[in-house]
Each structure stands twice: as C-alpha cells, then as structure tokens.
Amino acid sequence: MYYLYLAFCEDNSIYTGVTNNLNRRLTEHRTKSGGWHTKLHPATKFLHTEEFKTKKEAMRREKQLKGWTRVKKEALIKGDGIIKEVINSEPRREIPGPVVMCGGLIDLPAQHS
C-alpha cells in the first residue's frame, strides 16, 4: 500500500507527499531527513491521509493536490462537505480517480532512539 498525506509543518505550512510507511515518513519529516521543505520546516503531524494500491495512483493524487490552494486542502482535511463548494468555485485542474479518505488528525507518536 502507498499513502498520500498532508502534513502540518512548524511554519504553519501544509506539506504534501507520498510514502509506503507513514510512521517512518513522519519520523523523517520530524528529524529533518524528509523532503527539502521539511528540512527547513519540520512536520509535526499528519492532517490527512489517503490509501492507494499502487505508487503510481498515489503519485497521481499527490500531483493533483499540489495544484490545489491551501483553502481547498483545508476543506479536504475538514471533510465537512465544504470541499464540494470550494472545488466547484476553482478552475478544474483535478485528475479524476478513486479516493479512500481517512478522516481526522493522525498524530503518530515520536520515535525515540
């Protein structure tokens, strides 16, 4: 399984990424050994995840979400129906495809050495 995720960073930004291991990836982001953005602004928790059978599907969804505005990503995270209004009010840049959503915050415990 592969996962698309939105992570909250210390600078209040939202980082979008893909992994096959959520625990390992959050640890990497927390310890500044993840993506270039999280080396400067460590991620503290996952705000949203979606599960996919293949890496290709997850990366396709990642590309889609990276084209979204912060408002649209926040609507997805909230999952309260607002996203339909936001999606309909913005230009169509989405790539259609199946989505499995995990609601709520996902805050994995910090790994201690």
N, C-alpha and C. Protein backbone atom coordinates (compact mmCIF):
# COMPACT_ATOMS: atom_id res chain seq x y z
N MET A 1 0.82 -1.19 0.00
CA MET A 1 0.00 0.00 0.00
C MET A 1 0.87 1.25 0.00
N TYR A 2 0.36 2.29 -0.63
CA TYR A 2 1.01 3.60 -0.66
C TYR A 2 0.02 4.63 -0.12
N TYR A 3 0.56 5.68 0.44
CA TYR A 3 -0.27 6.69 1.08
C TYR A 3 0.09 8.08 0.58
N LEU A 4 -0.93 8.84 0.25
CA LEU A 4 -0.80 10.27 0.02
C LEU A 4 -1.06 10.89 1.38
N TYR A 5 -0.29 11.91 1.75
CA TYR A 5 -0.53 12.54 3.04
C TYR A 5 -0.34 14.04 2.97
N LEU A 6 -1.05 14.72 3.85
CA LEU A 6 -0.87 16.15 4.08
C LEU A 6 -0.35 16.28 5.50
N ALA A 7 0.81 16.92 5.65
CA ALA A 7 1.44 17.06 6.96
C ALA A 7 1.49 18.52 7.37
N PHE A 8 1.26 18.78 8.65
CA PHE A 8 1.34 20.12 9.20
C PHE A 8 2.78 20.39 9.61
N CYS A 9 3.34 21.53 9.17
CA CYS A 9 4.73 21.88 9.46
C CYS A 9 4.80 23.01 10.49
N GLU A 10 5.96 23.12 11.13
CA GLU A 10 6.16 24.12 12.19
C GLU A 10 5.92 25.55 11.73
N ASP A 11 6.10 25.83 10.44
CA ASP A 11 5.88 27.19 9.94
C ASP A 11 4.43 27.41 9.50
N ASN A 12 3.54 26.50 9.88
CA ASN A 12 2.11 26.57 9.57
C ASN A 12 1.80 26.22 8.11
N SER A 13 2.76 25.67 7.38
CA SER A 13 2.51 25.24 6.01
C SER A 13 1.97 23.81 6.00
N ILE A 14 1.44 23.41 4.86
CA ILE A 14 0.94 22.05 4.68
C ILE A 14 1.78 21.39 3.60
N TYR A 15 2.47 20.31 3.97
CA TYR A 15 3.34 19.58 3.06
C TYR A 15 2.57 18.39 2.49
N THR A 16 2.67 18.17 1.19
CA THR A 16 2.01 17.06 0.53
C THR A 16 3.05 16.05 0.07
N GLY A 17 2.85 14.78 0.38
CA GLY A 17 3.82 13.77 -0.01
C GLY A 17 3.20 12.39 -0.16
N VAL A 18 4.05 11.43 -0.56
CA VAL A 18 3.66 10.03 -0.76
C VAL A 18 4.66 9.14 -0.05
N THR A 19 4.18 8.06 0.54
CA THR A 19 5.05 7.09 1.21
C THR A 19 4.40 5.72 1.23
N ASN A 20 5.21 4.71 1.53
CA ASN A 20 4.65 3.37 1.76
C ASN A 20 4.73 3.02 3.24
N ASN A 21 5.19 3.97 4.07
CA ASN A 21 5.30 3.74 5.51
C ASN A 21 5.09 5.07 6.24
N LEU A 22 3.90 5.27 6.76
CA LEU A 22 3.56 6.54 7.39
C LEU A 22 4.39 6.82 8.64
N ASN A 23 4.62 5.82 9.50
CA ASN A 23 5.40 6.03 10.72
C ASN A 23 6.82 6.49 10.39
N ARG A 24 7.45 5.77 9.46
CA ARG A 24 8.83 6.12 9.09
C ARG A 24 8.89 7.52 8.48
N ARG A 25 7.94 7.83 7.61
CA ARG A 25 7.99 9.12 6.91
C ARG A 25 7.78 10.28 7.87
N LEU A 26 6.86 10.16 8.82
CA LEU A 26 6.67 11.25 9.77
C LEU A 26 7.93 11.44 10.62
N THR A 27 8.55 10.34 11.01
CA THR A 27 9.80 10.44 11.76
C THR A 27 10.85 11.17 10.94
N GLU A 28 10.96 10.86 9.66
CA GLU A 28 11.91 11.53 8.78
C GLU A 28 11.62 13.03 8.71
N HIS A 29 10.36 13.37 8.57
CA HIS A 29 10.00 14.80 8.50
C HIS A 29 10.27 15.52 9.82
N ARG A 30 10.02 14.83 10.93
CA ARG A 30 10.26 15.44 12.24
C ARG A 30 11.74 15.66 12.52
N THR A 31 12.57 14.80 11.97
CA THR A 31 14.02 14.87 12.25
C THR A 31 14.79 15.53 11.11
N LYS A 32 14.09 16.22 10.24
CA LYS A 32 14.69 16.97 9.13
C LYS A 32 15.45 16.10 8.13
N SER A 33 15.03 14.85 7.99
CA SER A 33 15.65 13.99 6.98
C SER A 33 14.62 13.59 5.91
N GLY A 34 13.52 14.34 5.84
CA GLY A 34 12.49 14.08 4.84
C GLY A 34 12.72 14.93 3.60
N GLY A 35 11.67 15.49 3.06
CA GLY A 35 11.75 16.34 1.87
C GLY A 35 12.46 17.66 2.16
N TRP A 36 12.82 18.37 1.10
CA TRP A 36 13.58 19.62 1.26
C TRP A 36 12.82 20.64 2.10
N HIS A 37 11.50 20.72 1.93
CA HIS A 37 10.72 21.69 2.69
C HIS A 37 10.75 21.38 4.18
N THR A 38 10.62 20.10 4.52
CA THR A 38 10.57 19.74 5.94
C THR A 38 11.96 19.72 6.58
N LYS A 39 13.01 19.85 5.79
CA LYS A 39 14.34 20.05 6.39
C LYS A 39 14.42 21.44 7.00
N LEU A 40 13.73 22.38 6.37
CA LEU A 40 13.69 23.76 6.87
C LEU A 40 12.55 23.98 7.85
N HIS A 41 11.44 23.29 7.63
CA HIS A 41 10.22 23.47 8.43
C HIS A 41 9.68 22.08 8.80
N PRO A 42 10.19 21.46 9.85
CA PRO A 42 9.80 20.10 10.20
C PRO A 42 8.29 19.91 10.33
N ALA A 43 7.82 18.76 9.88
CA ALA A 43 6.42 18.40 10.02
C ALA A 43 6.18 17.87 11.43
N THR A 44 5.02 18.18 11.99
CA THR A 44 4.71 17.74 13.34
C THR A 44 3.65 16.65 13.39
N LYS A 45 2.75 16.62 12.40
CA LYS A 45 1.70 15.59 12.39
C LYS A 45 1.08 15.51 11.01
N PHE A 46 0.41 14.40 10.76
CA PHE A 46 -0.36 14.24 9.53
C PHE A 46 -1.75 14.81 9.77
N LEU A 47 -2.23 15.56 8.80
CA LEU A 47 -3.57 16.13 8.86
C LEU A 47 -4.58 15.29 8.08
N HIS A 48 -4.08 14.57 7.08
CA HIS A 48 -4.96 13.81 6.18
C HIS A 48 -4.14 12.74 5.49
N THR A 49 -4.71 11.56 5.30
CA THR A 49 -4.06 10.51 4.52
C THR A 49 -5.09 9.85 3.60
N GLU A 50 -4.59 9.32 2.51
CA GLU A 50 -5.40 8.52 1.59
C GLU A 50 -4.57 7.31 1.19
N GLU A 51 -5.20 6.16 1.07
CA GLU A 51 -4.52 4.91 0.79
C GLU A 51 -4.75 4.49 -0.67
N PHE A 52 -3.68 4.00 -1.31
CA PHE A 52 -3.74 3.56 -2.70
C PHE A 52 -3.04 2.22 -2.85
N LYS A 53 -3.46 1.45 -3.83
CA LYS A 53 -2.86 0.14 -4.08
C LYS A 53 -1.49 0.26 -4.73
N THR A 54 -1.29 1.28 -5.54
CA THR A 54 -0.02 1.41 -6.24
C THR A 54 0.60 2.79 -6.01
N LYS A 55 1.92 2.84 -6.19
CA LYS A 55 2.65 4.10 -6.05
C LYS A 55 2.21 5.08 -7.13
N LYS A 56 1.94 4.57 -8.31
CA LYS A 56 1.52 5.42 -9.43
C LYS A 56 0.23 6.16 -9.09
N GLU A 57 -0.74 5.44 -8.50
CA GLU A 57 -2.00 6.07 -8.13
C GLU A 57 -1.79 7.15 -7.06
N ALA A 58 -0.95 6.84 -6.08
CA ALA A 58 -0.68 7.80 -5.00
C ALA A 58 0.01 9.05 -5.55
N MET A 59 0.95 8.85 -6.45
CA MET A 59 1.68 9.99 -7.02
C MET A 59 0.77 10.83 -7.92
N ARG A 60 -0.16 10.19 -8.56
CA ARG A 60 -1.13 10.91 -9.38
C ARG A 60 -1.98 11.83 -8.51
N ARG A 61 -2.41 11.31 -7.36
CA ARG A 61 -3.20 12.11 -6.42
C ARG A 61 -2.35 13.22 -5.80
N GLU A 62 -1.08 12.92 -5.51
CA GLU A 62 -0.18 13.94 -4.97
C GLU A 62 -0.06 15.11 -5.94
N LYS A 63 0.12 14.82 -7.20
CA LYS A 63 0.23 15.88 -8.21
C LYS A 63 -1.04 16.72 -8.23
N GLN A 64 -2.16 16.06 -8.12
CA GLN A 64 -3.45 16.76 -8.10
C GLN A 64 -3.52 17.72 -6.92
N LEU A 65 -3.23 17.23 -5.72
CA LEU A 65 -3.34 18.07 -4.52
C LEU A 65 -2.30 19.17 -4.48
N LYS A 66 -1.13 18.96 -5.05
CA LYS A 66 -0.11 20.00 -5.08
C LYS A 66 -0.56 21.19 -5.94
N GLY A 67 -1.53 20.97 -6.82
CA GLY A 67 -2.08 22.05 -7.62
C GLY A 67 -3.22 22.79 -6.93
N TRP A 68 -3.62 22.32 -5.77
CA TRP A 68 -4.72 22.93 -5.03
C TRP A 68 -4.25 24.10 -4.18
N THR A 69 -5.18 24.99 -3.89
CA THR A 69 -4.91 26.09 -2.97
C THR A 69 -4.94 25.57 -1.53
N ARG A 70 -4.42 26.36 -0.62
CA ARG A 70 -4.47 25.98 0.80
C ARG A 70 -5.91 25.85 1.28
N VAL A 71 -6.78 26.76 0.83
CA VAL A 71 -8.19 26.73 1.23
C VAL A 71 -8.82 25.40 0.83
N LYS A 72 -8.52 24.96 -0.35
CA LYS A 72 -9.08 23.71 -0.84
C LYS A 72 -8.53 22.51 -0.05
N LYS A 73 -7.23 22.54 0.27
CA LYS A 73 -6.65 21.47 1.09
C LYS A 73 -7.27 21.45 2.48
N GLU A 74 -7.50 22.63 3.06
CA GLU A 74 -8.12 22.70 4.39
C GLU A 74 -9.54 22.15 4.36
N ALA A 75 -10.25 22.40 3.28
CA ALA A 75 -11.61 21.86 3.14
C ALA A 75 -11.56 20.34 3.07
N LEU A 76 -10.58 19.79 2.37
CA LEU A 76 -10.42 18.34 2.30
C LEU A 76 -10.12 17.78 3.69
N ILE A 77 -9.25 18.43 4.42
CA ILE A 77 -8.88 17.98 5.77
C ILE A 77 -10.10 17.99 6.68
N LYS A 78 -10.90 19.05 6.62
CA LYS A 78 -12.09 19.15 7.46
C LYS A 78 -13.11 18.08 7.11
N GLY A 79 -13.23 17.77 5.82
CA GLY A 79 -14.15 16.72 5.39
C GLY A 79 -15.59 16.98 5.77
N ASP A 80 -16.00 18.24 5.80
CA ASP A 80 -17.34 18.58 6.26
C ASP A 80 -18.29 19.00 5.15
N GLY A 81 -17.97 18.65 3.91
CA GLY A 81 -18.84 18.99 2.79
C GLY A 81 -18.49 20.31 2.13
N ILE A 82 -17.71 21.14 2.79
CA ILE A 82 -17.32 22.42 2.21
C ILE A 82 -16.49 22.22 0.96
N ILE A 83 -15.76 21.14 0.90
CA ILE A 83 -14.86 20.92 -0.25
C ILE A 83 -15.62 20.92 -1.57
N LYS A 84 -16.86 20.45 -1.59
CA LYS A 84 -17.63 20.45 -2.84
C LYS A 84 -17.81 21.87 -3.35
N GLU A 85 -18.09 22.81 -2.45
CA GLU A 85 -18.26 24.20 -2.85
C GLU A 85 -16.93 24.79 -3.33
N VAL A 86 -15.85 24.48 -2.62
CA VAL A 86 -14.54 25.00 -2.98
C VAL A 86 -14.09 24.46 -4.33
N ILE A 87 -14.27 23.16 -4.53
CA ILE A 87 -13.87 22.54 -5.81
C ILE A 87 -14.65 23.16 -6.96
N ASN A 88 -15.93 23.38 -6.76
CA ASN A 88 -16.75 23.93 -7.84
C ASN A 88 -16.45 25.40 -8.11
N SER A 89 -15.80 26.10 -7.17
CA SER A 89 -15.52 27.51 -7.37
C SER A 89 -14.14 27.77 -7.96
N GLU A 90 -13.33 26.73 -8.11
CA GLU A 90 -11.98 26.88 -8.65
C GLU A 90 -11.87 26.25 -10.02
N PRO A 91 -10.91 26.68 -10.82
CA PRO A 91 -10.71 26.07 -12.14
C PRO A 91 -10.44 24.58 -12.00
N ARG A 92 -10.93 23.80 -12.94
CA ARG A 92 -10.77 22.35 -12.92
C ARG A 92 -9.35 21.97 -13.27
N ARG A 93 -8.56 21.49 -12.30
CA ARG A 93 -7.21 21.01 -12.54
C ARG A 93 -7.06 19.60 -12.00
N GLU A 94 -8.15 19.04 -11.45
CA GLU A 94 -8.08 17.76 -10.80
C GLU A 94 -7.92 16.62 -11.80
N ILE A 95 -7.32 15.55 -11.33
CA ILE A 95 -7.21 14.31 -12.09
C ILE A 95 -8.19 13.35 -11.45
N PRO A 96 -9.21 12.89 -12.19
CA PRO A 96 -10.20 12.01 -11.58
C PRO A 96 -9.59 10.67 -11.19
N GLY A 97 -10.13 10.07 -10.16
CA GLY A 97 -9.64 8.77 -9.72
C GLY A 97 -10.24 8.40 -8.37
N PRO A 98 -10.14 7.13 -7.99
CA PRO A 98 -10.72 6.70 -6.72
C PRO A 98 -9.93 7.28 -5.55
N VAL A 99 -10.64 7.59 -4.49
CA VAL A 99 -10.03 8.16 -3.30
C VAL A 99 -10.56 7.44 -2.08
N VAL A 100 -9.68 7.04 -1.20
CA VAL A 100 -10.07 6.48 0.08
C VAL A 100 -9.57 7.46 1.12
N MET A 101 -10.50 8.05 1.87
CA MET A 101 -10.10 9.09 2.81
C MET A 101 -10.09 8.57 4.24
N CYS A 102 -9.20 9.13 5.02
CA CYS A 102 -9.10 8.84 6.45
C CYS A 102 -9.38 10.15 7.16
N GLY A 103 -10.48 10.24 7.86
CA GLY A 103 -10.84 11.49 8.50
C GLY A 103 -10.08 11.73 9.79
N GLY A 104 -10.04 12.96 10.21
CA GLY A 104 -9.43 13.34 11.47
C GLY A 104 -7.93 13.49 11.39
N LEU A 105 -7.36 13.95 12.49
CA LEU A 105 -5.93 14.15 12.57
C LEU A 105 -5.24 12.84 12.87
N ILE A 106 -4.09 12.66 12.30
CA ILE A 106 -3.28 11.48 12.58
C ILE A 106 -1.98 12.00 13.15
N ASP A 107 -1.78 11.81 14.42
CA ASP A 107 -0.57 12.29 15.07
C ASP A 107 0.15 11.07 15.63
N LEU A 108 1.13 10.58 14.91
CA LEU A 108 1.85 9.40 15.33
C LEU A 108 2.83 9.76 16.41
N PRO A 109 3.04 8.87 17.37
CA PRO A 109 3.97 9.18 18.46
C PRO A 109 5.39 9.34 17.95
N ALA A 110 6.13 10.21 18.61
CA ALA A 110 7.52 10.45 18.23
C ALA A 110 8.33 9.20 18.49
N GLN A 111 9.26 8.91 17.61
CA GLN A 111 10.14 7.75 17.75
C GLN A 111 11.34 8.16 18.60
N HIS A 112 11.63 7.41 19.63
CA HIS A 112 12.79 7.70 20.46
C HIS A 112 13.87 6.67 20.20
N SER A 113 15.12 7.13 20.11
CA SER A 113 16.24 6.23 19.85
C SER A 113 16.78 5.65 21.13
